[in-house]
C-alpha atoms as a PDB file:
ATOM      1  CA  MET A   1      -6.215 -24.642  14.900  1.00  0.00           C
ATOM      2  CA  ALA A   2      -7.007 -20.969  14.314  1.00  0.00           C
ATOM      3  CA  SER A   3      -4.543 -18.333  15.458  1.00  0.00           C
ATOM      4  CA  LEU A   4      -5.390 -15.761  18.132  1.00  0.00           C
ATOM      5  CA  ILE A   5      -3.319 -12.987  16.527  1.00  0.00           C
ATOM      6  CA  ASP A   6      -4.222 -10.818  13.524  1.00  0.00           C
ATOM      7  CA  LEU A   7      -1.683  -8.243  12.361  1.00  0.00           C
ATOM      8  CA  HIS A   8      -3.443  -6.735   9.346  1.00  0.00           C
ATOM      9  CA  CYS A   9      -6.917  -5.174   9.280  1.00  0.00           C
ATOM     10  CA  HIS A  10      -8.649  -1.949   8.307  1.00  0.00           C
ATOM     11  CA  SER A  11     -11.214   0.391   9.818  1.00  0.00           C
ATOM     12  CA  SER A  12     -13.344   3.135   8.325  1.00  0.00           C
ATOM     13  CA  ILE A  13     -10.412   5.511   8.837  1.00  0.00           C
ATOM     14  CA  SER A  14      -9.146   4.024   5.587  1.00  0.00           C
ATOM     15  CA  ASP A  15     -11.247   1.630   3.482  1.00  0.00           C
ATOM     16  CA  GLY A  16     -12.840  -0.678   6.036  1.00  0.00           C
ATOM     17  CA  MET A  17     -16.561  -0.713   6.807  1.00  0.00           C
ATOM     18  CA  LEU A  18     -16.310  -0.705  10.616  1.00  0.00           C
ATOM     19  CA  THR A  19     -15.193   2.149  12.853  1.00  0.00           C
ATOM     20  CA  PRO A  20     -12.101   1.452  14.966  1.00  0.00           C
ATOM     21  CA  THR A  21     -14.364   0.742  17.946  1.00  0.00           C
ATOM     22  CA  GLU A  22     -16.611  -1.604  15.955  1.00  0.00           C
ATOM     23  CA  LEU A  23     -13.601  -3.368  14.443  1.00  0.00           C
ATOM     24  CA  VAL A  24     -12.045  -4.127  17.825  1.00  0.00           C
ATOM     25  CA  GLN A  25     -15.407  -5.255  19.184  1.00  0.00           C
ATOM     26  CA  HIS A  26     -15.713  -7.599  16.209  1.00  0.00           C
ATOM     27  CA  ALA A  27     -12.200  -8.939  16.856  1.00  0.00           C
ATOM     28  CA  ALA A  28     -13.162  -9.590  20.472  1.00  0.00           C
ATOM     29  CA  ARG A  29     -16.250 -11.542  19.401  1.00  0.00           C
ATOM     30  CA  ARG A  30     -14.026 -13.574  17.075  1.00  0.00           C
ATOM     31  CA  GLY A  31     -11.784 -14.527  20.002  1.00  0.00           C
ATOM     32  CA  LEU A  32      -8.651 -12.608  19.040  1.00  0.00           C
ATOM     33  CA  ARG A  33      -6.089 -11.775  21.730  1.00  0.00           C
ATOM     34  CA  VAL A  34      -3.647  -9.584  19.750  1.00  0.00           C
ATOM     35  CA  LEU A  35      -4.721  -7.217  16.987  1.00  0.00           C
ATOM     36  CA  ALA A  36      -2.895  -4.715  14.798  1.00  0.00           C
ATOM     37  CA  LEU A  37      -4.909  -1.922  13.200  1.00  0.00           C
ATOM     38  CA  THR A  38      -3.108  -1.188   9.917  1.00  0.00           C
ATOM     39  CA  ASP A  39      -5.142   1.414   8.069  1.00  0.00           C
ATOM     40  CA  HIS A  40      -3.860   2.564   4.706  1.00  0.00           C
ATOM     41  CA  ASP A  41      -1.556   5.560   5.047  1.00  0.00           C
ATOM     42  CA  ASP A  42      -3.305   6.783   8.195  1.00  0.00           C
ATOM     43  CA  VAL A  43      -2.898   6.308  11.949  1.00  0.00           C
ATOM     44  CA  GLY A  44      -5.958   8.329  12.918  1.00  0.00           C
ATOM     45  CA  GLY A  45      -7.901   5.363  14.302  1.00  0.00           C
ATOM     46  CA  LEU A  46      -5.317   4.036  16.746  1.00  0.00           C
ATOM     47  CA  SER A  47      -6.316   6.053  19.813  1.00  0.00           C
ATOM     48  CA  GLU A  48      -9.963   5.028  19.558  1.00  0.00           C
ATOM     49  CA  ALA A  49      -9.027   1.404  18.878  1.00  0.00           C
ATOM     50  CA  ARG A  50      -6.659   1.317  21.857  1.00  0.00           C
ATOM     51  CA  ILE A  51      -9.375   2.439  24.282  1.00  0.00           C
ATOM     52  CA  THR A  52     -11.756  -0.249  23.041  1.00  0.00           C
ATOM     53  CA  ALA A  53      -9.041  -2.906  23.038  1.00  0.00           C
ATOM     54  CA  GLN A  54      -8.249  -2.204  26.687  1.00  0.00           C
ATOM     55  CA  ALA A  55     -11.916  -2.604  27.567  1.00  0.00           C
ATOM     56  CA  HIS A  56     -12.012  -6.017  25.868  1.00  0.00           C
ATOM     57  CA  GLY A  57      -8.670  -7.362  27.048  1.00  0.00           C
ATOM     58  CA  ILE A  58      -7.101  -7.261  23.585  1.00  0.00           C
ATOM     59  CA  GLU A  59      -3.485  -6.250  23.053  1.00  0.00           C
ATOM     60  CA  LEU A  60      -3.582  -3.572  20.345  1.00  0.00           C
ATOM     61  CA  ILE A  61      -0.537  -3.209  18.125  1.00  0.00           C
ATOM     62  CA  HIS A  62      -0.075   0.231  16.569  1.00  0.00           C
ATOM     63  CA  GLY A  63       0.181  -0.307  12.834  1.00  0.00           C
ATOM     64  CA  VAL A  64      -0.109   1.245   9.401  1.00  0.00           C
ATOM     65  CA  GLU A  65      -0.050   0.018   5.794  1.00  0.00           C
ATOM     66  CA  ILE A  66       2.035   2.294   3.589  1.00  0.00           C
ATOM     67  CA  SER A  67       1.510   2.567  -0.171  1.00  0.00           C
ATOM     68  CA  VAL A  68       4.793   2.219  -2.074  1.00  0.00           C
ATOM     69  CA  THR A  69       5.892   2.493  -5.688  1.00  0.00           C
ATOM     70  CA  TRP A  70       8.725   0.063  -6.450  1.00  0.00           C
ATOM     71  CA  HIS A  71      10.064  -0.322 -10.001  1.00  0.00           C
ATOM     72  CA  GLY A  72       6.770   0.969 -11.382  1.00  0.00           C
ATOM     73  CA  ARG A  73       4.642  -1.371  -9.269  1.00  0.00           C
ATOM     74  CA  THR A  74       2.431  -0.602  -6.302  1.00  0.00           C
ATOM     75  CA  LEU A  75       3.362  -2.519  -3.161  1.00  0.00           C
ATOM     76  CA  HIS A  76       2.217  -2.254   0.447  1.00  0.00           C
ATOM     77  CA  ILE A  77       4.493  -2.239   3.469  1.00  0.00           C
ATOM     78  CA  VAL A  78       2.971  -2.813   6.878  1.00  0.00           C
ATOM     79  CA  GLY A  79       4.518  -1.127   9.900  1.00  0.00           C
ATOM     80  CA  LEU A  80       3.958  -2.863  13.243  1.00  0.00           C
ATOM     81  CA  ARG A  81       4.601  -1.454  16.733  1.00  0.00           C
ATOM     82  CA  ILE A  82       5.123   2.006  15.284  1.00  0.00           C
ATOM     83  CA  ASP A  83       5.101   5.303  17.136  1.00  0.00           C
ATOM     84  CA  PRO A  84       2.140   7.080  15.480  1.00  0.00           C
ATOM     85  CA  GLU A  85       3.472  10.461  16.608  1.00  0.00           C
ATOM     86  CA  TYR A  86       6.913  10.092  14.985  1.00  0.00           C
ATOM     87  CA  SER A  87       7.200  13.268  12.928  1.00  0.00           C
ATOM     88  CA  PRO A  88       8.731  11.908   9.677  1.00  0.00           C
ATOM     89  CA  LEU A  89       6.074   9.162   9.613  1.00  0.00           C
ATOM     90  CA  VAL A  90       3.251  11.639  10.259  1.00  0.00           C
ATOM     91  CA  GLN A  91       4.495  13.978   7.534  1.00  0.00           C
ATOM     92  CA  GLY A  92       5.116  11.145   5.084  1.00  0.00           C
ATOM     93  CA  LEU A  93       1.622   9.746   5.537  1.00  0.00           C
ATOM     94  CA  GLU A  94       0.064  13.173   5.041  1.00  0.00           C
ATOM     95  CA  SER A  95       1.934  13.492   1.747  1.00  0.00           C
ATOM     96  CA  ILE A  96       0.594  10.101   0.619  1.00  0.00           C
ATOM     97  CA  ARG A  97      -2.959  11.040   1.585  1.00  0.00           C
ATOM     98  CA  GLN A  98      -2.690  14.193  -0.515  1.00  0.00           C
ATOM     99  CA  GLY A  99      -1.585  11.977  -3.390  1.00  0.00           C
ATOM    100  CA  ARG A 100      -4.645   9.814  -2.827  1.00  0.00           C
ATOM    101  CA  ARG A 101      -6.869  12.839  -3.331  1.00  0.00           C
ATOM    102  CA  THR A 102      -5.084  13.640  -6.580  1.00  0.00           C
ATOM    103  CA  ARG A 103      -5.411  10.026  -7.740  1.00  0.00           C
ATOM    104  CA  ALA A 104      -9.125  10.001  -6.907  1.00  0.00           C
ATOM    105  CA  GLU A 105      -9.701  12.977  -9.190  1.00  0.00           C
ATOM    106  CA  GLY A 106      -7.803  11.204 -11.975  1.00  0.00           C
ATOM    107  CA  MET A 107      -9.776   7.993 -11.492  1.00  0.00           C
ATOM    108  CA  ALA A 108     -13.051   9.897 -11.620  1.00  0.00           C
ATOM    109  CA  ALA A 109     -12.029  11.641 -14.832  1.00  0.00           C
ATOM    110  CA  SER A 110     -11.140   8.277 -16.383  1.00  0.00           C
ATOM    111  CA  LEU A 111     -14.493   6.782 -15.379  1.00  0.00           C
ATOM    112  CA  GLU A 112     -16.266   9.871 -16.710  1.00  0.00           C
ATOM    113  CA  LYS A 113     -14.708   9.266 -20.140  1.00  0.00           C
ATOM    114  CA  ALA A 114     -16.082   5.723 -20.001  1.00  0.00           C
ATOM    115  CA  GLY A 115     -19.573   7.100 -19.397  1.00  0.00           C
ATOM    116  CA  ILE A 116     -19.694   6.480 -15.654  1.00  0.00           C
ATOM    117  CA  HIS A 117     -20.733   9.729 -14.016  1.00  0.00           C
ATOM    118  CA  GLY A 118     -20.589  10.984 -10.446  1.00  0.00           C
ATOM    119  CA  SER A 119     -17.943   8.548  -9.254  1.00  0.00           C
ATOM    120  CA  LEU A 120     -15.883  11.064  -7.274  1.00  0.00           C
ATOM    121  CA  GLU A 121     -18.851  12.197  -5.226  1.00  0.00           C
ATOM    122  CA  GLY A 122     -20.058   8.605  -4.956  1.00  0.00           C
ATOM    123  CA  ALA A 123     -16.710   7.362  -3.683  1.00  0.00           C
ATOM    124  CA  TYR A 124     -16.445  10.167  -1.142  1.00  0.00           C
ATOM    125  CA  ARG A 125     -19.837   9.160   0.260  1.00  0.00           C
ATOM    126  CA  TYR A 126     -18.195   5.929   1.377  1.00  0.00           C
ATOM    127  CA  ALA A 127     -14.962   7.616   2.497  1.00  0.00           C
ATOM    128  CA  THR A 128     -16.622   9.163   5.508  1.00  0.00           C
ATOM    129  CA  GLN A 129     -13.753   9.392   7.996  1.00  0.00           C
ATOM    130  CA  GLY A 130     -10.426   9.524   6.264  1.00  0.00           C
ATOM    131  CA  ILE A 131      -8.623   8.604   3.077  1.00  0.00           C
ATOM    132  CA  ILE A 132     -10.113   8.028  -0.351  1.00  0.00           C
ATOM    133  CA  SER A 133      -9.212   4.691  -1.925  1.00  0.00           C
ATOM    134  CA  ARG A 134     -10.001   2.407  -4.837  1.00  0.00           C
ATOM    135  CA  THR A 135     -12.223   0.419  -2.489  1.00  0.00           C
ATOM    136  CA  HIS A 136     -14.521   3.432  -2.113  1.00  0.00           C
ATOM    137  CA  PHE A 137     -14.785   3.717  -5.895  1.00  0.00           C
ATOM    138  CA  ALA A 138     -15.446  -0.020  -6.078  1.00  0.00           C
ATOM    139  CA  ARG A 139     -18.295   0.249  -3.581  1.00  0.00           C
ATOM    140  CA  TYR A 140     -19.841   3.052  -5.635  1.00  0.00           C
ATOM    141  CA  LEU A 141     -19.541   1.019  -8.848  1.00  0.00           C
ATOM    142  CA  MET A 142     -21.174  -1.944  -7.124  1.00  0.00           C
ATOM    143  CA  GLU A 143     -23.932   0.365  -5.909  1.00  0.00           C
ATOM    144  CA  LYS A 144     -24.498   1.323  -9.557  1.00  0.00           C
ATOM    145  CA  GLY A 145     -24.872  -2.363 -10.431  1.00  0.00           C
ATOM    146  CA  LEU A 146     -21.750  -2.432 -12.614  1.00  0.00           C
ATOM    147  CA  ALA A 147     -20.281  -5.534 -10.938  1.00  0.00           C
ATOM    148  CA  GLY A 148     -21.500  -8.107  -8.469  1.00  0.00           C
ATOM    149  CA  ASP A 149     -18.620  -8.281  -6.042  1.00  0.00           C
ATOM    150  CA  MET A 150     -15.388  -6.594  -5.046  1.00  0.00           C
ATOM    151  CA  ARG A 151     -13.018  -8.781  -7.052  1.00  0.00           C
ATOM    152  CA  LYS A 152     -15.051  -8.399 -10.238  1.00  0.00           C
ATOM    153  CA  VAL A 153     -15.344  -4.638  -9.956  1.00  0.00           C
ATOM    154  CA  PHE A 154     -11.594  -4.248  -9.485  1.00  0.00           C
ATOM    155  CA  LYS A 155     -10.825  -6.531 -12.412  1.00  0.00           C
ATOM    156  CA  LYS A 156     -13.292  -4.775 -14.702  1.00  0.00           C
ATOM    157  CA  TYR A 157     -12.630  -1.155 -13.810  1.00  0.00           C
ATOM    158  CA  LEU A 158      -9.820  -0.335 -11.419  1.00  0.00           C
ATOM    159  CA  VAL A 159      -6.657  -2.076 -12.586  1.00  0.00           C
ATOM    160  CA  LYS A 160      -4.122  -1.079 -15.212  1.00  0.00           C
ATOM    161  CA  GLY A 161      -5.584  -0.914 -18.710  1.00  0.00           C
ATOM    162  CA  LYS A 162      -9.178  -0.542 -17.502  1.00  0.00           C
ATOM    163  CA  PRO A 163     -11.477   2.478 -17.106  1.00  0.00           C
ATOM    164  CA  GLY A 164     -10.933   4.002 -13.703  1.00  0.00           C
ATOM    165  CA  TYR A 165      -7.214   3.241 -13.508  1.00  0.00           C
ATOM    166  CA  TYR A 166      -4.957   6.209 -12.885  1.00  0.00           C
ATOM    167  CA  GLU A 167      -1.174   5.987 -12.787  1.00  0.00           C
ATOM    168  CA  HIS A 168       0.179   7.350  -9.532  1.00  0.00           C
ATOM    169  CA  ARG A 169       3.497   7.374  -7.730  1.00  0.00           C
ATOM    170  CA  TRP A 170       3.480   6.551  -4.016  1.00  0.00           C
ATOM    171  CA  ALA A 171       6.247   6.655  -1.406  1.00  0.00           C
ATOM    172  CA  SER A 172       9.545   4.979  -2.159  1.00  0.00           C
ATOM    173  CA  LEU A 173      10.380   1.669  -0.513  1.00  0.00           C
ATOM    174  CA  GLU A 174      13.333   3.346   1.164  1.00  0.00           C
ATOM    175  CA  ASP A 175      11.166   6.083   2.675  1.00  0.00           C
ATOM    176  CA  ALA A 176       8.477   3.675   3.896  1.00  0.00           C
ATOM    177  CA  VAL A 177      10.963   1.392   5.649  1.00  0.00           C
ATOM    178  CA  SER A 178      12.837   4.398   7.054  1.00  0.00           C
ATOM    179  CA  TRP A 179       9.661   5.928   8.536  1.00  0.00           C
ATOM    180  CA  ILE A 180       8.671   2.627  10.136  1.00  0.00           C
ATOM    181  CA  LYS A 181      12.122   1.868  11.525  1.00  0.00           C
ATOM    182  CA  GLY A 182      12.647   5.438  12.685  1.00  0.00           C
ATOM    183  CA  SER A 183       9.417   5.226  14.669  1.00  0.00           C
ATOM    184  CA  GLY A 184      10.658   2.100  16.428  1.00  0.00           C
ATOM    185  CA  GLY A 185       8.507  -0.250  14.360  1.00  0.00           C
ATOM    186  CA  THR A 186       8.981  -3.384  12.295  1.00  0.00           C
ATOM    187  CA  ALA A 187       8.602  -3.251   8.495  1.00  0.00           C
ATOM    188  CA  VAL A 188       6.724  -6.142   6.856  1.00  0.00           C
ATOM    189  CA  ILE A 189       5.964  -6.816   3.179  1.00  0.00           C
ATOM    190  CA  ALA A 190       2.184  -7.143   2.946  1.00  0.00           C
ATOM    191  CA  HIS A 191       0.485  -9.987   1.005  1.00  0.00           C
ATOM    192  CA  PRO A 192       3.450 -10.691  -1.345  1.00  0.00           C
ATOM    193  CA  GLY A 193       1.460 -13.267  -3.284  1.00  0.00           C
ATOM    194  CA  ARG A 194      -0.723 -10.533  -4.768  1.00  0.00           C
ATOM    195  CA  TYR A 195       2.080  -8.795  -6.641  1.00  0.00           C
ATOM    196  CA  ASP A 196       2.720 -11.415  -9.344  1.00  0.00           C
ATOM    197  CA  LEU A 197       6.385 -10.424  -9.459  1.00  0.00           C
ATOM    198  CA  GLY A 198       7.979 -13.612 -10.744  1.00  0.00           C
ATOM    199  CA  ARG A 199      10.983 -15.256  -9.154  1.00  0.00           C
ATOM    200  CA  THR A 200      13.628 -12.755 -10.300  1.00  0.00           C
ATOM    201  CA  SER A 201      11.736  -9.599  -9.314  1.00  0.00           C
ATOM    202  CA  MET A 202      10.637 -11.127  -6.016  1.00  0.00           C
ATOM    203  CA  ALA A 203      14.254 -11.908  -5.154  1.00  0.00           C
ATOM    204  CA  LEU A 204      15.244  -8.345  -6.088  1.00  0.00           C
ATOM    205  CA  LEU A 205      12.511  -6.931  -3.852  1.00  0.00           C
ATOM    206  CA  LEU A 206      13.398  -9.160  -0.906  1.00  0.00           C
ATOM    207  CA  ASN A 207      17.094  -8.366  -1.089  1.00  0.00           C
ATOM    208  CA  GLU A 208      16.460  -4.622  -1.392  1.00  0.00           C
ATOM    209  CA  PHE A 209      13.917  -4.708   1.429  1.00  0.00           C
ATOM    210  CA  ARG A 210      16.366  -6.494   3.730  1.00  0.00           C
ATOM    211  CA  ALA A 211      19.195  -4.121   2.823  1.00  0.00           C
ATOM    212  CA  LEU A 212      16.983  -1.165   3.814  1.00  0.00           C
ATOM    213  CA  GLY A 213      16.245  -2.739   7.189  1.00  0.00           C
ATOM    214  CA  GLY A 214      12.978  -4.557   6.526  1.00  0.00           C
ATOM    215  CA  THR A 215      12.624  -7.649   8.656  1.00  0.00           C
ATOM    216  CA  GLY A 216       9.218  -9.263   8.024  1.00  0.00           C
ATOM    217  CA  ILE A 217       6.961 -10.755   5.376  1.00  0.00           C
ATOM    218  CA  GLU A 218       3.314 -11.803   5.508  1.00  0.00           C
ATOM    219  CA  VAL A 219       3.113 -15.553   5.115  1.00  0.00           C
ATOM    220  CA  VAL A 220      -0.457 -16.305   6.192  1.00  0.00           C
ATOM    221  CA  THR A 221      -2.824 -13.632   4.913  1.00  0.00           C
ATOM    222  CA  GLY A 222      -6.376 -13.534   3.671  1.00  0.00           C
ATOM    223  CA  SER A 223      -5.546 -13.317  -0.031  1.00  0.00           C
ATOM    224  CA  HIS A 224      -2.963 -16.125  -0.027  1.00  0.00           C
ATOM    225  CA  THR A 225      -3.850 -19.674  -0.989  1.00  0.00           C
ATOM    226  CA  THR A 226      -2.831 -22.673   1.102  1.00  0.00           C
ATOM    227  CA  THR A 227      -0.041 -23.312  -1.398  1.00  0.00           C
ATOM    228  CA  GLN A 228       1.185 -19.734  -0.996  1.00  0.00           C
ATOM    229  CA  PHE A 229       1.282 -20.155   2.792  1.00  0.00           C
ATOM    230  CA  GLN A 230       3.933 -22.814   2.258  1.00  0.00           C
ATOM    231  CA  GLU A 231       5.683 -20.923  -0.548  1.00  0.00           C
ATOM    232  CA  PHE A 232       6.180 -17.775   1.489  1.00  0.00           C
ATOM    233  CA  ALA A 233       7.030 -19.746   4.602  1.00  0.00           C
ATOM    234  CA  GLN A 234       9.986 -21.134   2.657  1.00  0.00           C
ATOM    235  CA  ILE A 235      10.855 -17.669   1.360  1.00  0.00           C
ATOM    236  CA  SER A 236      10.761 -16.219   4.878  1.00  0.00           C
ATOM    237  CA  GLN A 237      13.244 -18.846   6.002  1.00  0.00           C
ATOM    238  CA  LYS A 238      15.502 -18.501   2.953  1.00  0.00           C
ATOM    239  CA  TYR A 239      15.758 -14.710   3.331  1.00  0.00           C
ATOM    240  CA  GLU A 240      15.771 -14.799   7.140  1.00  0.00           C
ATOM    241  CA  LEU A 241      12.640 -12.685   7.396  1.00  0.00           C
ATOM    242  CA  HIS A 242      10.257 -12.993  10.317  1.00  0.00           C
ATOM    243  CA  ALA A 243       6.825 -14.318   9.365  1.00  0.00           C
ATOM    244  CA  SER A 244       3.677 -12.278   9.911  1.00  0.00           C
ATOM    245  CA  GLN A 245      -0.006 -13.019   9.466  1.00  0.00           C
ATOM    246  CA  GLY A 246      -3.224 -11.088   9.105  1.00  0.00           C
ATOM    247  CA  SER A 247      -6.682 -11.414   7.626  1.00  0.00           C
ATOM    248  CA  ASP A 248      -6.565  -8.065   5.772  1.00  0.00           C
ATOM    249  CA  TYR A 249     -10.111  -7.705   7.064  1.00  0.00           C
ATOM    250  CA  HIS A 250     -12.151  -4.799   5.680  1.00  0.00           C
ATOM    251  CA  GLY A 251     -15.653  -5.771   6.779  1.00  0.00           C
ATOM    252  CA  PRO A 252     -18.518  -8.030   5.717  1.00  0.00           C
ATOM    253  CA  GLY A 253     -18.489  -8.600   1.977  1.00  0.00           C
ATOM    254  CA  LEU A 254     -15.228  -6.695   1.473  1.00  0.00           C
ATOM    255  CA  SER A 255     -12.715  -9.220   2.765  1.00  0.00           C
ATOM    256  CA  TYR A 256     -10.837 -12.239   1.539  1.00  0.00           C
ATOM    257  CA  MET A 257     -11.158 -13.846   4.949  1.00  0.00           C
ATOM    258  CA  GLU A 258     -13.004 -13.394   8.218  1.00  0.00           C
ATOM    259  CA  MET A 259     -11.109 -12.543  11.404  1.00  0.00           C
ATOM    260  CA  GLY A 260     -10.227 -15.400  13.723  1.00  0.00           C
ATOM    261  CA  VAL A 261      -9.979 -18.169  11.121  1.00  0.00           C
ATOM    262  CA  LEU A 262      -6.374 -17.786   9.993  1.00  0.00           C
ATOM    263  CA  PRO A 263      -4.384 -20.997  10.380  1.00  0.00           C
ATOM    264  CA  GLU A 264      -1.213 -20.926  12.436  1.00  0.00           C
ATOM    265  CA  LEU A 265       2.086 -20.176  10.699  1.00  0.00           C
ATOM    266  CA  PRO A 266       3.726 -23.150   8.969  1.00  0.00           C
ATOM    267  CA  SER A 267       6.411 -24.909  10.972  1.00  0.00           C
ATOM    268  CA  GLY A 268       9.896 -23.452  10.662  1.00  0.00           C
ATOM    269  CA  CYS A 269       8.715 -19.839  10.517  1.00  0.00           C
ATOM    270  CA  VAL A 270      10.001 -17.347  13.071  1.00  0.00           C
ATOM    271  CA  PRO A 271       6.985 -15.246  14.096  1.00  0.00           C
ATOM    272  CA  VAL A 272       7.404 -11.494  13.831  1.00  0.00           C
ATOM    273  CA  TRP A 273       5.915 -11.286  17.340  1.00  0.00           C
ATOM    274  CA  LYS A 274       8.422 -13.740  18.848  1.00  0.00           C
ATOM    275  CA  ASP A 275       9.875 -11.256  21.358  1.00  0.00           C
ATOM    276  CA  TRP A 276       6.887  -8.951  21.778  1.00  0.00           C
ATOM    277  CA  PRO A 277       5.671  -8.526  25.348  1.00  0.00           C
ATOM    278  CA  GLU A 278       2.167  -7.993  23.928  1.00  0.00           C
ATOM    279  CA  ALA A 279       2.169 -11.571  22.618  1.00  0.00           C
ATOM    280  CA  ARG A 280       3.715 -13.286  25.632  1.00  0.00           C
ATOM    281  CA  LEU A 281       0.517 -15.217  26.449  1.00  0.00           C
ATOM    282  CA  LEU A 282      -0.030 -16.671  22.964  1.00  0.00           C
END
């Protein structure tokens, strides 16, 4: 049975294809009842999404996905039920977005050295409403015919050791969790199966995250396999973290999974939305 709640998706304010309005309309067509808009490092789409959600009878959860550097690795922390006007969060996100602009220039310079020209301008053509991201570069590289799909273009050009990669330092884990908690929100580790941390580093991350006040982890998410659903369900129980779920939807052709097809959380998980009034009818 598919779940009616999706707590991780992106609009064109960050690196999704659909505007906030179009994204919520799509969620409504897919039968969702509760939706969190979690754009990368930006809350600029929440007001528009909220208006559309009200018109379609969807409970909109204010969210954000914050880019974090932890022990030299890039991680993502989702904030759910945040206050998008909380000053430290607003200022922190603006600082990250400025860093994104700096990274984009570095990525373009790296691609230029590899003989791929015009990538900065090409990426910004796709970044029409907000931040600049690797996804925008990937779409430009696909446009140029340099790879057939999103996974291949990332693997060939945009990861460490490849042309187009640029080392960058994001927010600290402590800052990200602090901004989310300070705004009244819940901090969740996004798609942990994508980080390839190994057992020891994963345990270190989970213990540090909990000590800072983080309380959730994505168990069912678009990039996880069925085996990983069970693996992170067990981890959520072992570390007493609430379980979250989300498609990580970016739009047609850009997503691991369509909205509205996520399976329900494995048994034994405590849903992150357990006490939310917005989810009382689920």
